[in-house]
Amino acid sequence: AYGNALARIALKYRDMVVLDGEVSNSTFSETFKKSFPELFFEMYIAEQNMAGMALGLARRGKIPFVSTFSAFFSRVVDQIRMSAYSGSHIVFCGSHAGVSVGEDGPSQMGLEDLAIFRTIWNSVVLYPADAISCDKLVEEAAKYHNIVYLRTTRKATPVIYSPNDTFMVGGSKVLKKSGRDSVTVVAAGITVHEALEAYELLAKQKIFVRVIDAYSIKPLDVKTLKQAAAETQAIITVEDHYAEGGLGEAVASALANLIPSPSPTSERVAGGRVRLGTPIYQLAVTRLPKSGKSDELLDYEGISAKAIVKKVKEILVESTH
């Protein structure tokens, strides 16, 4: 989807150039290369040089799209941060993110990338869940002036959106919602599909949850998150990333001002307990990853549909005591 989108928008954004770190057959930037070879730069396994060259091209008026495995951007942090201070528009696409990469093992699993790019000055961080949202967000990235990070997934995923759906920086999609929602599940990328599967499993048991695709991790759609926090008992964030610096901490930070200090005016709930705010539970990668099948690893790390179902039920049991 990423490669197809690059080729699709190239004639619209004529200053585009694409750079890749010798993995274009995996990131699929080779799709662009085949159509526009004169605008494609093969940078080989020299990611720091690739980012530096992208900065030079950006300062000369080009819009560079820079792609490699998300894990490999960890060696390019200095060049990325300096590009932001130069006020440049560069799109970095990190593919093969998270444990869902599967058999390639932890050396190939980008699990720090969201934290890295969230800290970059004035950056945007986007994480599409399917081919259509990826296509749309590639074009959004071309429009935004500064550093943009687009995180893409290796594993094949179902298409859940229609070509008429729109996506914007700072937006989200509420995929499941009802007046009976007990808990909100906030996911992005691969875990959106796990959240939707968990929804179906819980619905069969007459337990309803709200599911939000937070495809724009920075900036977040804080308005939608606040509404969910007000209307449900708890929020669960689910991400294929380390717990530190990812989606969960972004959501917790955005909603921190909703948790008041204990006071006589705090909301009283069943049993006379005082509710201090909407609790936030984080499901993320917390164990050293292994090599294995994608579904096995999602389950191993506790970020699968099964793990979401278990956490929802635990929260509902706790709320009755």
C-alpha atoms as a PDB file:
ATOM      1  CA  ALA A   1       0.000   0.000   0.000  1.00  0.00           C
ATOM      2  CA  TYR A   2       2.873   2.375   0.808  1.00  0.00           C
ATOM      3  CA  GLY A   3       4.583   1.758  -2.522  1.00  0.00           C
ATOM      4  CA  ASN A   4       1.366   2.044  -4.499  1.00  0.00           C
ATOM      5  CA  ALA A   5       0.539   5.319  -2.768  1.00  0.00           C
ATOM      6  CA  LEU A   6       3.946   6.798  -3.612  1.00  0.00           C
ATOM      7  CA  ALA A   7       3.455   5.987  -7.277  1.00  0.00           C
ATOM      8  CA  ARG A   8      -0.122   7.290  -7.185  1.00  0.00           C
ATOM      9  CA  ILE A   9       0.675  10.739  -5.787  1.00  0.00           C
ATOM     10  CA  ALA A  10       3.976  11.319  -7.626  1.00  0.00           C
ATOM     11  CA  LEU A  11       2.415  13.303 -10.476  1.00  0.00           C
ATOM     12  CA  LYS A  12       0.484  15.415  -7.983  1.00  0.00           C
ATOM     13  CA  TYR A  13       3.503  16.227  -5.828  1.00  0.00           C
ATOM     14  CA  ARG A  14       6.158  16.771  -8.477  1.00  0.00           C
ATOM     15  CA  ASP A  15       8.897  17.623  -5.976  1.00  0.00           C
ATOM     16  CA  MET A  16       8.770  14.114  -4.478  1.00  0.00           C
ATOM     17  CA  VAL A  17      11.847  11.955  -4.288  1.00  0.00           C
ATOM     18  CA  VAL A  18      12.157   8.533  -2.648  1.00  0.00           C
ATOM     19  CA  LEU A  19      15.157   7.119  -0.789  1.00  0.00           C
ATOM     20  CA  ASP A  20      15.512   3.573   0.513  1.00  0.00           C
ATOM     21  CA  GLY A  21      18.098   1.628   2.500  1.00  0.00           C
ATOM     22  CA  GLU A  22      18.414  -1.427   0.256  1.00  0.00           C
ATOM     23  CA  VAL A  23      15.121  -2.950   1.375  1.00  0.00           C
ATOM     24  CA  SER A  24      12.870  -1.485  -1.309  1.00  0.00           C
ATOM     25  CA  ASN A  25      11.539  -4.944  -2.173  1.00  0.00           C
ATOM     26  CA  SER A  26      10.309  -5.199   1.438  1.00  0.00           C
ATOM     27  CA  THR A  27       9.174  -1.614   2.044  1.00  0.00           C
ATOM     28  CA  PHE A  28       7.729  -1.689  -1.505  1.00  0.00           C
ATOM     29  CA  SER A  29       9.215   1.664  -2.421  1.00  0.00           C
ATOM     30  CA  GLU A  30      10.415  -0.317  -5.448  1.00  0.00           C
ATOM     31  CA  THR A  31       6.919   0.252  -6.867  1.00  0.00           C
ATOM     32  CA  PHE A  32       7.815   3.935  -7.111  1.00  0.00           C
ATOM     33  CA  LYS A  33      11.285   3.108  -8.440  1.00  0.00           C
ATOM     34  CA  LYS A  34       9.844   1.149 -11.359  1.00  0.00           C
ATOM     35  CA  SER A  35       7.626   4.066 -12.403  1.00  0.00           C
ATOM     36  CA  PHE A  36       9.995   6.949 -11.619  1.00  0.00           C
ATOM     37  CA  PRO A  37      13.573   5.602 -11.592  1.00  0.00           C
ATOM     38  CA  GLU A  38      15.106   9.068 -11.983  1.00  0.00           C
ATOM     39  CA  LEU A  39      13.469  10.176  -8.703  1.00  0.00           C
ATOM     40  CA  PHE A  40      14.574   7.143  -6.676  1.00  0.00           C
ATOM     41  CA  PHE A  41      17.811   6.988  -4.682  1.00  0.00           C
ATOM     42  CA  GLU A  42      19.241   3.642  -3.530  1.00  0.00           C
ATOM     43  CA  MET A  43      21.180   4.461  -0.364  1.00  0.00           C
ATOM     44  CA  TYR A  44      22.157   0.899   0.593  1.00  0.00           C
ATOM     45  CA  ILE A  45      22.695   0.021   4.277  1.00  0.00           C
ATOM     46  CA  ALA A  46      23.873   3.531   5.187  1.00  0.00           C
ATOM     47  CA  GLU A  47      20.823   4.879   6.998  1.00  0.00           C
ATOM     48  CA  GLN A  48      22.574   7.882   8.567  1.00  0.00           C
ATOM     49  CA  ASN A  49      23.818   8.992   5.179  1.00  0.00           C
ATOM     50  CA  MET A  50      20.321   8.413   3.773  1.00  0.00           C
ATOM     51  CA  ALA A  51      18.781  10.783   6.329  1.00  0.00           C
ATOM     52  CA  GLY A  52      21.492  13.382   5.757  1.00  0.00           C
ATOM     53  CA  MET A  53      20.961  13.252   2.009  1.00  0.00           C
ATOM     54  CA  ALA A  54      17.200  13.565   2.553  1.00  0.00           C
ATOM     55  CA  LEU A  55      17.830  16.746   4.534  1.00  0.00           C
ATOM     56  CA  GLY A  56      19.916  18.165   1.704  1.00  0.00           C
ATOM     57  CA  LEU A  57      17.220  17.336  -0.826  1.00  0.00           C
ATOM     58  CA  ALA A  58      14.553  18.867   1.417  1.00  0.00           C
ATOM     59  CA  ARG A  59      16.547  22.086   1.757  1.00  0.00           C
ATOM     60  CA  ARG A  60      16.680  22.210  -2.036  1.00  0.00           C
ATOM     61  CA  GLY A  61      12.876  22.120  -2.234  1.00  0.00           C
ATOM     62  CA  LYS A  62      12.236  18.402  -2.610  1.00  0.00           C
ATOM     63  CA  ILE A  63       9.823  16.264  -0.549  1.00  0.00           C
ATOM     64  CA  PRO A  64      11.848  13.191   0.450  1.00  0.00           C
ATOM     65  CA  PHE A  65      10.143   9.945   1.417  1.00  0.00           C
ATOM     66  CA  VAL A  66      12.694   7.846   3.292  1.00  0.00           C
ATOM     67  CA  SER A  67      11.993   4.170   3.942  1.00  0.00           C
ATOM     68  CA  THR A  68      13.636   1.297   5.758  1.00  0.00           C
ATOM     69  CA  PHE A  69      12.748  -1.172   8.509  1.00  0.00           C
ATOM     70  CA  SER A  70      11.495   0.710  11.565  1.00  0.00           C
ATOM     71  CA  ALA A  71      14.202  -0.901  13.728  1.00  0.00           C
ATOM     72  CA  PHE A  72      16.943   0.697  11.643  1.00  0.00           C
ATOM     73  CA  PHE A  73      15.814   4.261  12.344  1.00  0.00           C
ATOM     74  CA  SER A  74      17.194   3.827  15.858  1.00  0.00           C
ATOM     75  CA  ARG A  75      20.683   4.422  14.412  1.00  0.00           C
ATOM     76  CA  VAL A  76      19.601   7.664  12.703  1.00  0.00           C
ATOM     77  CA  VAL A  77      18.209   9.661  15.619  1.00  0.00           C
ATOM     78  CA  ASP A  78      20.798  12.449  15.447  1.00  0.00           C
ATOM     79  CA  GLN A  79      20.188  13.117  11.759  1.00  0.00           C
ATOM     80  CA  ILE A  80      16.416  13.027  12.265  1.00  0.00           C
ATOM     81  CA  ARG A  81      16.433  15.495  15.157  1.00  0.00           C
ATOM     82  CA  MET A  82      18.721  17.874  13.293  1.00  0.00           C
ATOM     83  CA  SER A  83      16.424  17.688  10.265  1.00  0.00           C
ATOM     84  CA  ALA A  84      13.576  18.870  12.489  1.00  0.00           C
ATOM     85  CA  TYR A  85      15.665  21.801  13.745  1.00  0.00           C
ATOM     86  CA  SER A  86      16.347  22.704  10.121  1.00  0.00           C
ATOM     87  CA  GLY A  87      12.618  23.122   9.552  1.00  0.00           C
ATOM     88  CA  SER A  88      12.569  20.489   6.842  1.00  0.00           C
ATOM     89  CA  HIS A  89       9.713  18.439   5.436  1.00  0.00           C
ATOM     90  CA  ILE A  90      10.815  14.810   5.348  1.00  0.00           C
ATOM     91  CA  VAL A  91       8.615  11.711   5.536  1.00  0.00           C
ATOM     92  CA  PHE A  92      10.185   8.705   7.235  1.00  0.00           C
ATOM     93  CA  CYS A  93       8.448   5.375   6.693  1.00  0.00           C
ATOM     94  CA  GLY A  94       9.355   2.579   9.079  1.00  0.00           C
ATOM     95  CA  SER A  95       8.142  -0.817   7.933  1.00  0.00           C
ATOM     96  CA  HIS A  96       8.234  -4.237   9.625  1.00  0.00           C
ATOM     97  CA  ALA A  97       7.284  -2.724  12.971  1.00  0.00           C
ATOM     98  CA  GLY A  98       6.716  -4.605  16.196  1.00  0.00           C
ATOM     99  CA  VAL A  99       6.640  -8.278  17.142  1.00  0.00           C
ATOM    100  CA  SER A 100       4.101  -8.909  14.390  1.00  0.00           C
ATOM    101  CA  VAL A 101       7.146  -9.095  12.071  1.00  0.00           C
ATOM    102  CA  GLY A 102       7.283 -12.698  13.278  1.00  0.00           C
ATOM    103  CA  GLU A 103      10.081 -15.088  12.423  1.00  0.00           C
ATOM    104  CA  ASP A 104      12.750 -12.434  11.742  1.00  0.00           C
ATOM    105  CA  GLY A 105      13.244 -12.062  15.487  1.00  0.00           C
ATOM    106  CA  PRO A 106      13.890  -9.140  17.856  1.00  0.00           C
ATOM    107  CA  SER A 107      16.799  -7.620  15.895  1.00  0.00           C
ATOM    108  CA  GLN A 108      14.357  -6.749  13.106  1.00  0.00           C
ATOM    109  CA  MET A 109      11.455  -5.631  15.319  1.00  0.00           C
ATOM    110  CA  GLY A 110      11.036  -1.877  15.628  1.00  0.00           C
ATOM    111  CA  LEU A 111       9.786  -1.474  19.191  1.00  0.00           C
ATOM    112  CA  GLU A 112      11.256   1.920  20.075  1.00  0.00           C
ATOM    113  CA  ASP A 113      10.319   3.883  16.953  1.00  0.00           C
ATOM    114  CA  LEU A 114       7.117   5.523  18.200  1.00  0.00           C
ATOM    115  CA  ALA A 115       8.973   6.829  21.243  1.00  0.00           C
ATOM    116  CA  ILE A 116      11.799   8.154  19.075  1.00  0.00           C
ATOM    117  CA  PHE A 117       9.603  10.020  16.615  1.00  0.00           C
ATOM    118  CA  ARG A 118       7.139  11.310  19.233  1.00  0.00           C
ATOM    119  CA  THR A 119      10.011  13.204  20.855  1.00  0.00           C
ATOM    120  CA  ILE A 120      11.098  14.914  17.633  1.00  0.00           C
ATOM    121  CA  TRP A 121      10.290  18.607  17.576  1.00  0.00           C
ATOM    122  CA  ASN A 122       6.955  19.404  15.924  1.00  0.00           C
ATOM    123  CA  SER A 123       6.744  15.920  14.406  1.00  0.00           C
ATOM    124  CA  VAL A 124       3.705  13.974  13.239  1.00  0.00           C
ATOM    125  CA  VAL A 125       3.399  10.231  13.917  1.00  0.00           C
ATOM    126  CA  LEU A 126       0.936   8.176  11.848  1.00  0.00           C
ATOM    127  CA  TYR A 127       0.168   4.462  12.118  1.00  0.00           C
ATOM    128  CA  PRO A 128      -2.346   3.093   9.574  1.00  0.00           C
ATOM    129  CA  ALA A 129      -4.233  -0.141  10.191  1.00  0.00           C
ATOM    130  CA  ASP A 130      -5.018  -1.189   6.621  1.00  0.00           C
ATOM    131  CA  ALA A 131      -4.167  -0.547   2.968  1.00  0.00           C
ATOM    132  CA  ILE A 132      -6.703   2.235   2.447  1.00  0.00           C
ATOM    133  CA  SER A 133      -5.740   4.221   5.534  1.00  0.00           C
ATOM    134  CA  CYS A 134      -2.077   3.789   4.581  1.00  0.00           C
ATOM    135  CA  ASP A 135      -2.724   5.106   1.081  1.00  0.00           C
ATOM    136  CA  LYS A 136      -4.593   8.120   2.410  1.00  0.00           C
ATOM    137  CA  LEU A 137      -2.028   8.882   5.121  1.00  0.00           C
ATOM    138  CA  VAL A 138       0.886   8.756   2.665  1.00  0.00           C
ATOM    139  CA  GLU A 139      -0.745  11.645   0.850  1.00  0.00           C
ATOM    140  CA  GLU A 140      -1.448  13.461   4.119  1.00  0.00           C
ATOM    141  CA  ALA A 141       2.245  13.094   4.941  1.00  0.00           C
ATOM    142  CA  ALA A 142       3.130  14.741   1.640  1.00  0.00           C
ATOM    143  CA  LYS A 143       1.080  17.791   2.642  1.00  0.00           C
ATOM    144  CA  TYR A 144       2.468  18.330   6.129  1.00  0.00           C
ATOM    145  CA  HIS A 145       5.518  20.577   6.510  1.00  0.00           C
ATOM    146  CA  ASN A 146       7.932  19.077   9.024  1.00  0.00           C
ATOM    147  CA  ILE A 147       9.063  15.642  10.093  1.00  0.00           C
ATOM    148  CA  VAL A 148       6.429  12.947   9.554  1.00  0.00           C
ATOM    149  CA  TYR A 149       6.790   9.334  10.644  1.00  0.00           C
ATOM    150  CA  LEU A 150       4.622   6.680   9.020  1.00  0.00           C
ATOM    151  CA  ARG A 151       4.693   3.246  10.668  1.00  0.00           C
ATOM    152  CA  THR A 152       3.719   0.325   8.442  1.00  0.00           C
ATOM    153  CA  THR A 153       2.987  -3.314   9.187  1.00  0.00           C
ATOM    154  CA  ARG A 154       4.512  -6.350   7.511  1.00  0.00           C
ATOM    155  CA  LYS A 155       1.668  -8.762   8.244  1.00  0.00           C
ATOM    156  CA  ALA A 156      -1.217  -8.897   5.772  1.00  0.00           C
ATOM    157  CA  THR A 157      -4.306  -7.329   7.313  1.00  0.00           C
ATOM    158  CA  PRO A 158      -7.952  -7.129   6.234  1.00  0.00           C
ATOM    159  CA  VAL A 159      -9.185  -3.938   4.607  1.00  0.00           C
ATOM    160  CA  ILE A 160     -11.569  -2.314   7.076  1.00  0.00           C
ATOM    161  CA  TYR A 161     -12.081   1.081   5.451  1.00  0.00           C
ATOM    162  CA  SER A 162     -13.703   2.174   2.208  1.00  0.00           C
ATOM    163  CA  PRO A 163     -12.128   4.397  -0.458  1.00  0.00           C
ATOM    164  CA  ASN A 164     -14.531   7.151   0.603  1.00  0.00           C
ATOM    165  CA  ASP A 165     -13.184   7.292   4.165  1.00  0.00           C
ATOM    166  CA  THR A 166     -11.057  10.315   4.984  1.00  0.00           C
ATOM    167  CA  PHE A 167      -8.016  10.494   7.231  1.00  0.00           C
ATOM    168  CA  MET A 168      -6.285  13.540   8.600  1.00  0.00           C
ATOM    169  CA  VAL A 169      -3.432  14.450  10.895  1.00  0.00           C
ATOM    170  CA  GLY A 170      -4.865  14.606  14.416  1.00  0.00           C
ATOM    171  CA  GLY A 171      -7.834  12.378  13.651  1.00  0.00           C
ATOM    172  CA  SER A 172      -9.066   8.946  14.712  1.00  0.00           C
ATOM    173  CA  LYS A 173     -11.816   6.501  13.793  1.00  0.00           C
ATOM    174  CA  VAL A 174     -14.417   5.159  16.198  1.00  0.00           C
ATOM    175  CA  LEU A 175     -15.006   1.699  14.765  1.00  0.00           C
ATOM    176  CA  LYS A 176     -17.402   0.291  17.374  1.00  0.00           C
ATOM    177  CA  LYS A 177     -19.691   2.317  19.620  1.00  0.00           C
ATOM    178  CA  SER A 178     -22.960   1.869  21.484  1.00  0.00           C
ATOM    179  CA  GLY A 179     -24.827   3.222  24.458  1.00  0.00           C
ATOM    180  CA  ARG A 180     -23.841   0.110  26.417  1.00  0.00           C
ATOM    181  CA  ASP A 181     -20.070   0.366  26.114  1.00  0.00           C
ATOM    182  CA  SER A 182     -18.343  -0.587  29.346  1.00  0.00           C
ATOM    183  CA  VAL A 183     -14.706  -0.109  28.328  1.00  0.00           C
ATOM    184  CA  THR A 184     -12.911   1.719  25.512  1.00  0.00           C
ATOM    185  CA  VAL A 185     -10.129  -0.045  23.615  1.00  0.00           C
ATOM    186  CA  VAL A 186      -7.694   2.330  21.892  1.00  0.00           C
ATOM    187  CA  ALA A 187      -5.458   0.669  19.314  1.00  0.00           C
ATOM    188  CA  ALA A 188      -3.346   1.540  16.277  1.00  0.00           C
ATOM    189  CA  GLY A 189      -1.981  -0.414  13.347  1.00  0.00           C
ATOM    190  CA  ILE A 190      -1.908  -4.179  13.802  1.00  0.00           C
ATOM    191  CA  THR A 191      -3.685  -4.087  17.175  1.00  0.00           C
ATOM    192  CA  VAL A 192      -6.767  -2.471  15.634  1.00  0.00           C
ATOM    193  CA  HIS A 193      -7.539  -5.868  14.121  1.00  0.00           C
ATOM    194  CA  GLU A 194      -6.967  -7.569  17.473  1.00  0.00           C
ATOM    195  CA  ALA A 195      -9.341  -5.068  19.103  1.00  0.00           C
ATOM    196  CA  LEU A 196     -12.026  -5.737  16.502  1.00  0.00           C
ATOM    197  CA  GLU A 197     -11.705  -9.492  17.032  1.00  0.00           C
ATOM    198  CA  ALA A 198     -11.945  -8.946  20.803  1.00  0.00           C
ATOM    199  CA  TYR A 199     -15.085  -6.869  20.233  1.00  0.00           C
ATOM    200  CA  GLU A 200     -16.759  -9.764  18.422  1.00  0.00           C
ATOM    201  CA  LEU A 201     -15.781 -12.268  21.125  1.00  0.00           C
ATOM    202  CA  LEU A 202     -17.073 -10.020  23.901  1.00  0.00           C
ATOM    203  CA  ALA A 203     -20.280  -9.098  22.053  1.00  0.00           C
ATOM    204  CA  LYS A 204     -21.212 -12.786  21.968  1.00  0.00           C
ATOM    205  CA  GLN A 205     -21.155 -12.625  25.769  1.00  0.00           C
ATOM    206  CA  LYS A 206     -23.229  -9.416  25.832  1.00  0.00           C
ATOM    207  CA  ILE A 207     -20.210  -7.334  26.822  1.00  0.00           C
ATOM    208  CA  PHE A 208     -19.808  -4.243  24.685  1.00  0.00           C
ATOM    209  CA  VAL A 209     -16.670  -2.188  24.228  1.00  0.00           C
ATOM    210  CA  ARG A 210     -15.863   0.912  22.215  1.00  0.00           C
ATOM    211  CA  VAL A 211     -13.044   0.492  19.687  1.00  0.00           C
ATOM    212  CA  ILE A 212     -10.989   3.491  18.528  1.00  0.00           C
ATOM    213  CA  ASP A 213      -8.360   3.428  15.791  1.00  0.00           C
ATOM    214  CA  ALA A 214      -5.895   6.103  16.951  1.00  0.00           C
ATOM    215  CA  TYR A 215      -4.071   6.206  13.618  1.00  0.00           C
ATOM    216  CA  SER A 216      -2.718   9.680  14.423  1.00  0.00           C
ATOM    217  CA  ILE A 217      -0.556   9.072  17.481  1.00  0.00           C
ATOM    218  CA  LYS A 218       0.906  12.574  17.373  1.00  0.00           C
ATOM    219  CA  PRO A 219      -1.110  14.704  17.470  1.00  0.00           C
ATOM    220  CA  LEU A 220      -3.833  12.616  19.109  1.00  0.00           C
ATOM    221  CA  ASP A 221      -7.553  13.108  18.673  1.00  0.00           C
ATOM    222  CA  VAL A 222      -7.927  14.250  22.273  1.00  0.00           C
ATOM    223  CA  LYS A 223     -11.579  15.261  21.880  1.00  0.00           C
ATOM    224  CA  THR A 224     -12.647  11.718  20.959  1.00  0.00           C
ATOM    225  CA  LEU A 225     -10.521  10.231  23.751  1.00  0.00           C
ATOM    226  CA  LYS A 226     -12.039  12.567  26.334  1.00  0.00           C
ATOM    227  CA  GLN A 227     -15.539  11.638  25.225  1.00  0.00           C
ATOM    228  CA  ALA A 228     -14.695   7.947  25.543  1.00  0.00           C
ATOM    229  CA  ALA A 229     -13.204   8.526  28.991  1.00  0.00           C
ATOM    230  CA  ALA A 230     -16.387  10.269  30.089  1.00  0.00           C
ATOM    231  CA  GLU A 231     -18.722   7.616  28.688  1.00  0.00           C
ATOM    232  CA  THR A 232     -16.980   4.355  29.641  1.00  0.00           C
ATOM    233  CA  GLN A 233     -15.576   2.882  32.844  1.00  0.00           C
ATOM    234  CA  ALA A 234     -11.987   2.488  31.691  1.00  0.00           C
ATOM    235  CA  ILE A 235      -9.624   2.798  28.742  1.00  0.00           C
ATOM    236  CA  ILE A 236      -7.326   0.048  27.512  1.00  0.00           C
ATOM    237  CA  THR A 237      -4.537   0.961  25.100  1.00  0.00           C
ATOM    238  CA  VAL A 238      -3.092  -1.845  22.986  1.00  0.00           C
ATOM    239  CA  GLU A 239       0.111  -1.459  20.988  1.00  0.00           C
ATOM    240  CA  ASP A 240       2.810  -3.500  19.264  1.00  0.00           C
ATOM    241  CA  HIS A 241       5.566  -1.375  20.828  1.00  0.00           C
ATOM    242  CA  TYR A 242       7.390  -1.180  24.109  1.00  0.00           C
ATOM    243  CA  ALA A 243       5.332   0.301  26.938  1.00  0.00           C
ATOM    244  CA  GLU A 244       7.655   3.286  27.221  1.00  0.00           C
ATOM    245  CA  GLY A 245       6.956   6.202  24.910  1.00  0.00           C
ATOM    246  CA  GLY A 246       4.284   4.653  22.718  1.00  0.00           C
ATOM    247  CA  LEU A 247       0.528   4.887  22.266  1.00  0.00           C
ATOM    248  CA  GLY A 248      -0.340   4.094  25.885  1.00  0.00           C
ATOM    249  CA  GLU A 249       1.786   6.845  27.351  1.00  0.00           C
ATOM    250  CA  ALA A 250       0.543   9.289  24.711  1.00  0.00           C
ATOM    251  CA  VAL A 251      -3.081   8.583  25.670  1.00  0.00           C
ATOM    252  CA  ALA A 252      -2.322   8.708  29.405  1.00  0.00           C
ATOM    253  CA  SER A 253      -0.591  12.068  28.997  1.00  0.00           C
ATOM    254  CA  ALA A 254      -3.455  13.487  26.939  1.00  0.00           C
ATOM    255  CA  LEU A 255      -6.025  12.457  29.551  1.00  0.00           C
ATOM    256  CA  ALA A 256      -3.956  13.251  32.653  1.00  0.00           C
ATOM    257  CA  ASN A 257      -5.881  16.458  33.356  1.00  0.00           C
ATOM    258  CA  LEU A 258      -9.083  14.425  33.660  1.00  0.00           C
ATOM    259  CA  ILE A 259      -7.912  12.774  36.881  1.00  0.00           C
ATOM    260  CA  PRO A 260      -8.669  15.167  39.760  1.00  0.00           C
ATOM    261  CA  SER A 261      -7.229  15.051  43.245  1.00  0.00           C
ATOM    262  CA  PRO A 262      -9.410  13.360  45.896  1.00  0.00           C
ATOM    263  CA  SER A 263     -11.972  15.786  47.218  1.00  0.00           C
ATOM    264  CA  PRO A 264     -15.432  15.749  48.805  1.00  0.00           C
ATOM    265  CA  THR A 265     -16.881  16.613  45.398  1.00  0.00           C
ATOM    266  CA  SER A 266     -15.378  13.616  43.601  1.00  0.00           C
ATOM    267  CA  GLU A 267     -17.937  11.411  41.867  1.00  0.00           C
ATOM    268  CA  ARG A 268     -19.336   8.667  44.115  1.00  0.00           C
ATOM    269  CA  VAL A 269     -20.042   5.296  42.531  1.00  0.00           C
ATOM    270  CA  ALA A 270     -21.601   2.013  43.692  1.00  0.00           C
ATOM    271  CA  GLY A 271     -20.583   0.932  47.179  1.00  0.00           C
ATOM    272  CA  GLY A 272     -19.701   4.446  48.262  1.00  0.00           C
ATOM    273  CA  ARG A 273     -16.311   4.380  46.503  1.00  0.00           C
ATOM    274  CA  VAL A 274     -14.868   7.621  45.193  1.00  0.00           C
ATOM    275  CA  ARG A 275     -14.068   7.635  41.494  1.00  0.00           C
ATOM    276  CA  LEU A 276     -11.005   9.789  40.862  1.00  0.00           C
ATOM    277  CA  GLY A 277     -11.084   9.553  37.077  1.00  0.00           C
ATOM    278  CA  THR A 278     -11.182   7.081  34.209  1.00  0.00           C
ATOM    279  CA  PRO A 279      -8.465   4.453  34.750  1.00  0.00           C
ATOM    280  CA  ILE A 280      -6.139   3.712  31.850  1.00  0.00           C
ATOM    281  CA  TYR A 281      -4.664   0.245  31.364  1.00  0.00           C
ATOM    282  CA  GLN A 282      -1.784  -0.327  28.980  1.00  0.00           C
ATOM    283  CA  LEU A 283      -1.211  -3.511  26.991  1.00  0.00           C
ATOM    284  CA  ALA A 284       2.171  -3.340  25.272  1.00  0.00           C
ATOM    285  CA  VAL A 285       5.318  -5.353  24.585  1.00  0.00           C
ATOM    286  CA  THR A 286       6.840  -6.064  27.994  1.00  0.00           C
ATOM    287  CA  ARG A 287       8.719  -9.320  27.418  1.00  0.00           C
ATOM    288  CA  LEU A 288      11.879  -9.882  25.394  1.00  0.00           C
ATOM    289  CA  PRO A 289      10.514 -10.878  21.975  1.00  0.00           C
ATOM    290  CA  LYS A 290      11.270 -14.194  20.350  1.00  0.00           C
ATOM    291  CA  SER A 291      11.208 -15.513  16.822  1.00  0.00           C
ATOM    292  CA  GLY A 292       7.883 -17.079  15.959  1.00  0.00           C
ATOM    293  CA  LYS A 293       4.669 -16.714  14.048  1.00  0.00           C
ATOM    294  CA  SER A 294       3.051 -13.296  14.212  1.00  0.00           C
ATOM    295  CA  ASP A 295      -0.089 -14.457  16.004  1.00  0.00           C
ATOM    296  CA  GLU A 296       1.966 -16.447  18.506  1.00  0.00           C
ATOM    297  CA  LEU A 297       4.059 -13.403  19.370  1.00  0.00           C
ATOM    298  CA  LEU A 298       1.064 -11.084  19.755  1.00  0.00           C
ATOM    299  CA  ASP A 299      -0.352 -13.583  22.210  1.00  0.00           C
ATOM    300  CA  TYR A 300       3.007 -14.075  23.951  1.00  0.00           C
ATOM    301  CA  GLU A 301       3.276 -10.325  24.585  1.00  0.00           C
ATOM    302  CA  GLY A 302      -0.316 -10.003  25.794  1.00  0.00           C
ATOM    303  CA  ILE A 303      -1.499  -7.707  22.995  1.00  0.00           C
ATOM    304  CA  SER A 304      -3.749 -10.153  21.132  1.00  0.00           C
ATOM    305  CA  ALA A 305      -7.545 -10.328  20.982  1.00  0.00           C
ATOM    306  CA  LYS A 306      -7.399 -12.984  23.687  1.00  0.00           C
ATOM    307  CA  ALA A 307      -5.429 -10.673  25.978  1.00  0.00           C
ATOM    308  CA  ILE A 308      -7.848  -7.787  25.370  1.00  0.00           C
ATOM    309  CA  VAL A 309     -10.833  -9.964  26.256  1.00  0.00           C
ATOM    310  CA  LYS A 310      -9.099 -11.087  29.448  1.00  0.00           C
ATOM    311  CA  LYS A 311      -8.285  -7.501  30.469  1.00  0.00           C
ATOM    312  CA  VAL A 312     -11.825  -6.247  29.822  1.00  0.00           C
ATOM    313  CA  LYS A 313     -13.270  -8.991  32.002  1.00  0.00           C
ATOM    314  CA  GLU A 314     -10.748  -8.264  34.781  1.00  0.00           C
ATOM    315  CA  ILE A 315     -11.743  -4.586  34.754  1.00  0.00           C
ATOM    316  CA  LEU A 316     -15.450  -5.393  34.925  1.00  0.00           C
ATOM    317  CA  VAL A 317     -14.889  -7.785  37.836  1.00  0.00           C
ATOM    318  CA  GLU A 318     -12.867  -5.137  39.678  1.00  0.00           C
ATOM    319  CA  SER A 319     -15.601  -2.552  39.133  1.00  0.00           C
ATOM    320  CA  THR A 320     -18.140  -4.714  40.952  1.00  0.00           C
ATOM    321  CA  HIS A 321     -16.039  -4.962  44.120  1.00  0.00           C
END
